[in-house]
Structure formats: structure tokens, C-alpha cells
C-alpha atoms as a PDB file:
ATOM      1  CA  THR A   1       0.000   0.000   0.000  1.00  0.00           C
ATOM      2  CA  GLY A   2       3.045   2.273  -0.098  1.00  0.00           C
ATOM      3  CA  THR A   3       1.823   4.134  -3.165  1.00  0.00           C
ATOM      4  CA  ARG A   4       0.736   7.655  -2.540  1.00  0.00           C
ATOM      5  CA  LYS A   5      -0.880   9.996  -4.964  1.00  0.00           C
ATOM      6  CA  MET A   6       1.160  12.899  -6.260  1.00  0.00           C
ATOM      7  CA  VAL A   7      -0.381  16.135  -5.081  1.00  0.00           C
ATOM      8  CA  PHE A   8      -0.605  19.026  -7.498  1.00  0.00           C
ATOM      9  CA  ILE A   9      -1.623  22.611  -6.979  1.00  0.00           C
ATOM     10  CA  THR A  10      -5.153  22.674  -8.352  1.00  0.00           C
ATOM     11  CA  GLU A  11      -7.571  25.537  -8.690  1.00  0.00           C
ATOM     12  CA  ASP A  12      -9.814  23.778  -6.189  1.00  0.00           C
ATOM     13  CA  LEU A  13      -7.006  23.543  -3.624  1.00  0.00           C
ATOM     14  CA  VAL A  14      -6.178  27.232  -3.986  1.00  0.00           C
ATOM     15  CA  ARG A  15      -9.871  28.165  -3.820  1.00  0.00           C
ATOM     16  CA  ARG A  16     -10.300  26.180  -0.595  1.00  0.00           C
ATOM     17  CA  ARG A  17      -7.381  28.157   0.821  1.00  0.00           C
ATOM     18  CA  ALA A  18      -8.959  31.458  -0.219  1.00  0.00           C
ATOM     19  CA  GLU A  19     -11.949  31.561   2.126  1.00  0.00           C
ATOM     20  CA  HIS A  20     -10.657  34.836   3.531  1.00  0.00           C
ATOM     21  CA  ASN A  21     -11.008  36.295   0.024  1.00  0.00           C
ATOM     22  CA  GLU A  22     -14.525  34.984  -0.755  1.00  0.00           C
ATOM     23  CA  CYS A  23     -12.799  32.089  -2.552  1.00  0.00           C
ATOM     24  CA  GLU A  24     -11.732  34.525  -5.268  1.00  0.00           C
ATOM     25  CA  ILE A  25      -8.262  33.399  -6.305  1.00  0.00           C
ATOM     26  CA  PHE A  26      -7.339  35.955  -8.944  1.00  0.00           C
ATOM     27  CA  SER A  27      -7.089  38.848  -6.482  1.00  0.00           C
ATOM     28  CA  LEU A  28      -5.486  36.845  -3.647  1.00  0.00           C
ATOM     29  CA  GLU A  29      -2.599  38.569  -1.882  1.00  0.00           C
ATOM     30  CA  GLU A  30      -1.768  35.741   0.519  1.00  0.00           C
ATOM     31  CA  VAL A  31      -2.210  31.986   0.316  1.00  0.00           C
ATOM     32  CA  SER A  32      -1.185  29.091   2.576  1.00  0.00           C
ATOM     33  CA  LEU A  33      -0.472  25.818   0.818  1.00  0.00           C
ATOM     34  CA  HIS A  34       1.691  24.303   3.541  1.00  0.00           C
ATOM     35  CA  GLN A  35       1.616  20.633   4.563  1.00  0.00           C
ATOM     36  CA  GLN A  36      -0.202  19.470   1.452  1.00  0.00           C
ATOM     37  CA  ASP A  37       2.399  16.990   0.101  1.00  0.00           C
ATOM     38  CA  ILE A  38       2.718  19.222  -2.970  1.00  0.00           C
ATOM     39  CA  GLU A  39       5.473  18.032  -5.310  1.00  0.00           C
ATOM     40  CA  LYS A  40       5.562  20.804  -7.898  1.00  0.00           C
ATOM     41  CA  ILE A  41       5.092  24.571  -7.943  1.00  0.00           C
ATOM     42  CA  GLU A  42       2.774  25.369 -10.827  1.00  0.00           C
ATOM     43  CA  HIS A  43      -0.189  27.526 -11.925  1.00  0.00           C
ATOM     44  CA  ILE A  44       0.106  29.955  -9.004  1.00  0.00           C
ATOM     45  CA  ASP A  45       1.911  32.527 -11.132  1.00  0.00           C
ATOM     46  CA  ARG A  46      -0.954  32.509 -13.642  1.00  0.00           C
ATOM     47  CA  TRP A  47      -3.878  32.432 -11.251  1.00  0.00           C
ATOM     48  CA  CYS A  48      -2.649  34.638  -8.422  1.00  0.00           C
ATOM     49  CA  ARG A  49      -0.685  37.470 -10.004  1.00  0.00           C
ATOM     50  CA  ASN A  50      -1.258  39.771  -7.005  1.00  0.00           C
ATOM     51  CA  LEU A  51       0.243  37.441  -4.394  1.00  0.00           C
ATOM     52  CA  LYS A  52       2.421  39.134  -1.810  1.00  0.00           C
ATOM     53  CA  ILE A  53       2.792  36.184   0.571  1.00  0.00           C
ATOM     54  CA  LEU A  54       3.068  32.530  -0.430  1.00  0.00           C
ATOM     55  CA  TYR A  55       3.362  29.779   2.174  1.00  0.00           C
ATOM     56  CA  LEU A  56       4.588  26.496   0.689  1.00  0.00           C
ATOM     57  CA  GLN A  57       6.474  25.143   3.679  1.00  0.00           C
ATOM     58  CA  ASN A  58       6.444  21.493   4.681  1.00  0.00           C
ATOM     59  CA  ASN A  59       5.751  19.987   1.271  1.00  0.00           C
ATOM     60  CA  LEU A  60       7.781  17.744  -1.050  1.00  0.00           C
ATOM     61  CA  ILE A  61       8.853  20.404  -3.548  1.00  0.00           C
ATOM     62  CA  PRO A  62      12.211  19.632  -5.228  1.00  0.00           C
ATOM     63  CA  ARG A  63      12.575  22.775  -7.386  1.00  0.00           C
ATOM     64  CA  ILE A  64      11.865  26.483  -7.259  1.00  0.00           C
ATOM     65  CA  GLU A  65      10.010  27.110 -10.517  1.00  0.00           C
ATOM     66  CA  ASN A  66       7.016  28.796 -12.132  1.00  0.00           C
ATOM     67  CA  LEU A  67       7.047  31.868  -9.899  1.00  0.00           C
ATOM     68  CA  ALA A  68       8.519  34.402 -12.327  1.00  0.00           C
ATOM     69  CA  ARG A  69       5.245  36.229 -12.956  1.00  0.00           C
ATOM     70  CA  LEU A  70       4.709  36.986  -9.263  1.00  0.00           C
ATOM     71  CA  LYS A  71       6.037  40.534  -9.519  1.00  0.00           C
ATOM     72  CA  LYS A  72       4.432  41.595  -6.214  1.00  0.00           C
ATOM     73  CA  LEU A  73       5.585  38.610  -4.131  1.00  0.00           C
ATOM     74  CA  GLU A  74       7.299  39.866  -0.964  1.00  0.00           C
ATOM     75  CA  TYR A  75       7.554  36.739   1.192  1.00  0.00           C
ATOM     76  CA  LEU A  76       8.104  33.185  -0.005  1.00  0.00           C
ATOM     77  CA  ASN A  77       8.236  30.381   2.553  1.00  0.00           C
ATOM     78  CA  LEU A  78       9.668  27.131   1.188  1.00  0.00           C
ATOM     79  CA  ALA A  79      11.019  25.772   4.483  1.00  0.00           C
ATOM     80  CA  LEU A  80      10.983  21.987   4.942  1.00  0.00           C
ATOM     81  CA  ASN A  81      10.967  20.934   1.297  1.00  0.00           C
ATOM     82  CA  ASN A  82      13.408  19.080  -0.967  1.00  0.00           C
ATOM     83  CA  ILE A  83      15.017  22.055  -2.716  1.00  0.00           C
ATOM     84  CA  GLU A  84      18.653  21.611  -3.769  1.00  0.00           C
ATOM     85  CA  VAL A  85      19.329  24.811  -5.718  1.00  0.00           C
ATOM     86  CA  ILE A  86      18.232  28.434  -5.339  1.00  0.00           C
ATOM     87  CA  GLU A  87      16.986  29.404  -8.799  1.00  0.00           C
ATOM     88  CA  ASN A  88      14.254  30.971 -10.926  1.00  0.00           C
ATOM     89  CA  LEU A  89      13.378  33.856  -8.606  1.00  0.00           C
ATOM     90  CA  GLU A  90      14.750  36.675 -10.767  1.00  0.00           C
ATOM     91  CA  GLY A  91      11.233  37.611 -11.863  1.00  0.00           C
ATOM     92  CA  CYS A  92      10.032  38.064  -8.274  1.00  0.00           C
ATOM     93  CA  GLU A  93      11.261  41.623  -8.214  1.00  0.00           C
ATOM     94  CA  SER A  94       9.502  42.612  -4.952  1.00  0.00           C
ATOM     95  CA  LEU A  95      10.847  39.654  -2.936  1.00  0.00           C
ATOM     96  CA  GLN A  96      11.969  40.780   0.534  1.00  0.00           C
ATOM     97  CA  LYS A  97      12.038  37.560   2.523  1.00  0.00           C
ATOM     98  CA  LEU A  98      12.928  34.031   1.422  1.00  0.00           C
ATOM     99  CA  ASP A  99      12.741  31.132   3.851  1.00  0.00           C
ATOM    100  CA  LEU A 100      14.568  27.979   2.747  1.00  0.00           C
ATOM    101  CA  THR A 101      15.112  26.569   6.255  1.00  0.00           C
ATOM    102  CA  VAL A 102      15.748  22.793   6.245  1.00  0.00           C
ATOM    103  CA  ASN A 103      16.055  21.945   2.571  1.00  0.00           C
ATOM    104  CA  PHE A 104      18.875  20.308   0.622  1.00  0.00           C
ATOM    105  CA  VAL A 105      20.603  23.387  -0.789  1.00  0.00           C
ATOM    106  CA  GLY A 106      24.185  22.193  -1.171  1.00  0.00           C
ATOM    107  CA  VAL A 107      25.503  24.559  -3.819  1.00  0.00           C
ATOM    108  CA  LEU A 108      26.311  27.742  -1.947  1.00  0.00           C
ATOM    109  CA  THR A 109      27.020  29.649  -5.168  1.00  0.00           C
ATOM    110  CA  SER A 110      23.334  29.317  -6.096  1.00  0.00           C
ATOM    111  CA  VAL A 111      22.629  32.209  -3.685  1.00  0.00           C
ATOM    112  CA  GLU A 112      24.111  34.402  -6.419  1.00  0.00           C
ATOM    113  CA  SER A 113      20.940  33.879  -8.439  1.00  0.00           C
ATOM    114  CA  LEU A 114      19.321  36.240  -5.890  1.00  0.00           C
ATOM    115  CA  LYS A 115      21.595  39.148  -6.870  1.00  0.00           C
ATOM    116  CA  HIS A 116      18.826  40.661  -8.965  1.00  0.00           C
ATOM    117  CA  ASN A 117      16.301  40.545  -6.116  1.00  0.00           C
ATOM    118  CA  ILE A 118      17.371  43.993  -4.977  1.00  0.00           C
ATOM    119  CA  HIS A 119      14.672  44.266  -2.284  1.00  0.00           C
ATOM    120  CA  LEU A 120      15.641  40.987  -0.603  1.00  0.00           C
ATOM    121  CA  ARG A 121      16.375  41.693   3.067  1.00  0.00           C
ATOM    122  CA  GLU A 122      16.029  38.322   4.790  1.00  0.00           C
ATOM    123  CA  LEU A 123      17.306  34.921   3.723  1.00  0.00           C
ATOM    124  CA  PHE A 124      16.921  31.806   5.869  1.00  0.00           C
ATOM    125  CA  LEU A 125      19.249  28.912   5.029  1.00  0.00           C
ATOM    126  CA  VAL A 126      19.575  27.170   8.408  1.00  0.00           C
ATOM    127  CA  GLY A 127      19.483  23.392   8.106  1.00  0.00           C
ATOM    128  CA  ASN A 128      20.858  23.242   4.551  1.00  0.00           C
ATOM    129  CA  PRO A 129      24.120  21.450   3.680  1.00  0.00           C
ATOM    130  CA  CYS A 130      25.583  24.690   2.268  1.00  0.00           C
ATOM    131  CA  THR A 131      25.631  26.237   5.755  1.00  0.00           C
ATOM    132  CA  GLU A 132      28.258  23.714   6.832  1.00  0.00           C
ATOM    133  CA  TYR A 133      30.932  25.436   4.743  1.00  0.00           C
ATOM    134  CA  GLU A 134      33.296  27.528   6.789  1.00  0.00           C
ATOM    135  CA  GLY A 135      32.625  31.183   6.082  1.00  0.00           C
ATOM    136  CA  TYR A 136      29.284  30.545   4.374  1.00  0.00           C
ATOM    137  CA  ARG A 137      27.668  33.558   6.056  1.00  0.00           C
ATOM    138  CA  GLN A 138      30.425  35.923   4.897  1.00  0.00           C
ATOM    139  CA  TYR A 139      30.065  34.512   1.392  1.00  0.00           C
ATOM    140  CA  VAL A 140      26.295  35.109   1.370  1.00  0.00           C
ATOM    141  CA  VAL A 141      26.627  38.658   2.706  1.00  0.00           C
ATOM    142  CA  ALA A 142      29.304  39.450   0.108  1.00  0.00           C
ATOM    143  CA  ALA A 143      27.256  37.925  -2.728  1.00  0.00           C
ATOM    144  CA  LEU A 144      24.047  39.674  -1.647  1.00  0.00           C
ATOM    145  CA  PRO A 145      24.895  43.122  -0.284  1.00  0.00           C
ATOM    146  CA  GLN A 146      21.201  44.031  -0.206  1.00  0.00           C
ATOM    147  CA  LEU A 147      20.618  41.675   2.746  1.00  0.00           C
ATOM    148  CA  GLN A 148      20.401  43.078   6.239  1.00  0.00           C
ATOM    149  CA  VAL A 149      23.466  41.474   7.795  1.00  0.00           C
ATOM    150  CA  ASN A 150      21.655  40.378  10.955  1.00  0.00           C
ATOM    151  CA  LYS A 151      18.900  38.831   8.832  1.00  0.00           C
ATOM    152  CA  THR A 152      21.006  36.109   7.239  1.00  0.00           C
ATOM    153  CA  HIS A 153      20.188  32.852   8.989  1.00  0.00           C
END
């Protein structure tokens, strides 16, 4: 019985999480899709263009993808997923806070993909293999001067 169904982000799932917005998904500014066993980020950037806050923590997501159209996104929580590389966030030009706590980010240089996120102030990397490198914090602060130094975790 060890087979489990892959969970996708469906319009119905997003609608159920939009009660606070009369179940209207196109004008949503915040949505919580945490602990849903989601395995792929998709559709959100087409349906919810006005999102400012996206909670996707505690899922099974292996890749950061399909978020480029979220121009207003300020806070992205991807803690407790299966992400190995920081990528594909260049389009999220309003991003201020990125939480990648407890993932599998091993390639420290992938933080450089956040160079263009000029409003990024907080980056959470605790619990990733890349934080085991000596001097990782200095590297991150040097690569991303826009970060508030005390907000690099």
C-alpha cells in the first residue's frame, strides 16, 4: 500500500485556501499551501498574479520554478521541502524575505541567483548542507549586499 498519490496545486485547492477572500483566487494577496504533500510549484503565477505572501512550507517540492510572474511577491516560505538549488526567482522583483530553512541546498554559489532581487532583506538557510561550509555567512553577505546582515540565517 506504499503508493501515494502525487499532489498538485489545483484551482480547487487554492480556492479552498482562499476563504478569507470569498474564494476569489485571482485577487489573492496571501495563500497558505503548507503541509499538502505538494510536489511541484505550478499555476500559481498565472492564477494569483497579485500574491504578496506565499506559504509552501512542509511539502515535497524539489525545485523552485514557475514563480517568475509573481512581480508583487514579498515573502516566499519554502522551508521543509526538498530544494537543492536556489533558482528561478529573478522575476520576483519585490521579494523581501525568502525562507529555505531545512532543505537540501548544497551549492552555496546558487545564492548568487538572488543578486537581482534587490529588495531581498532576509534569507533563511539554516538546516541546509551549504551552511556547513566555513565562512558561508560571509560569502552570502558578500554575494548579496542588499541583505540586512543580521537577517542572514
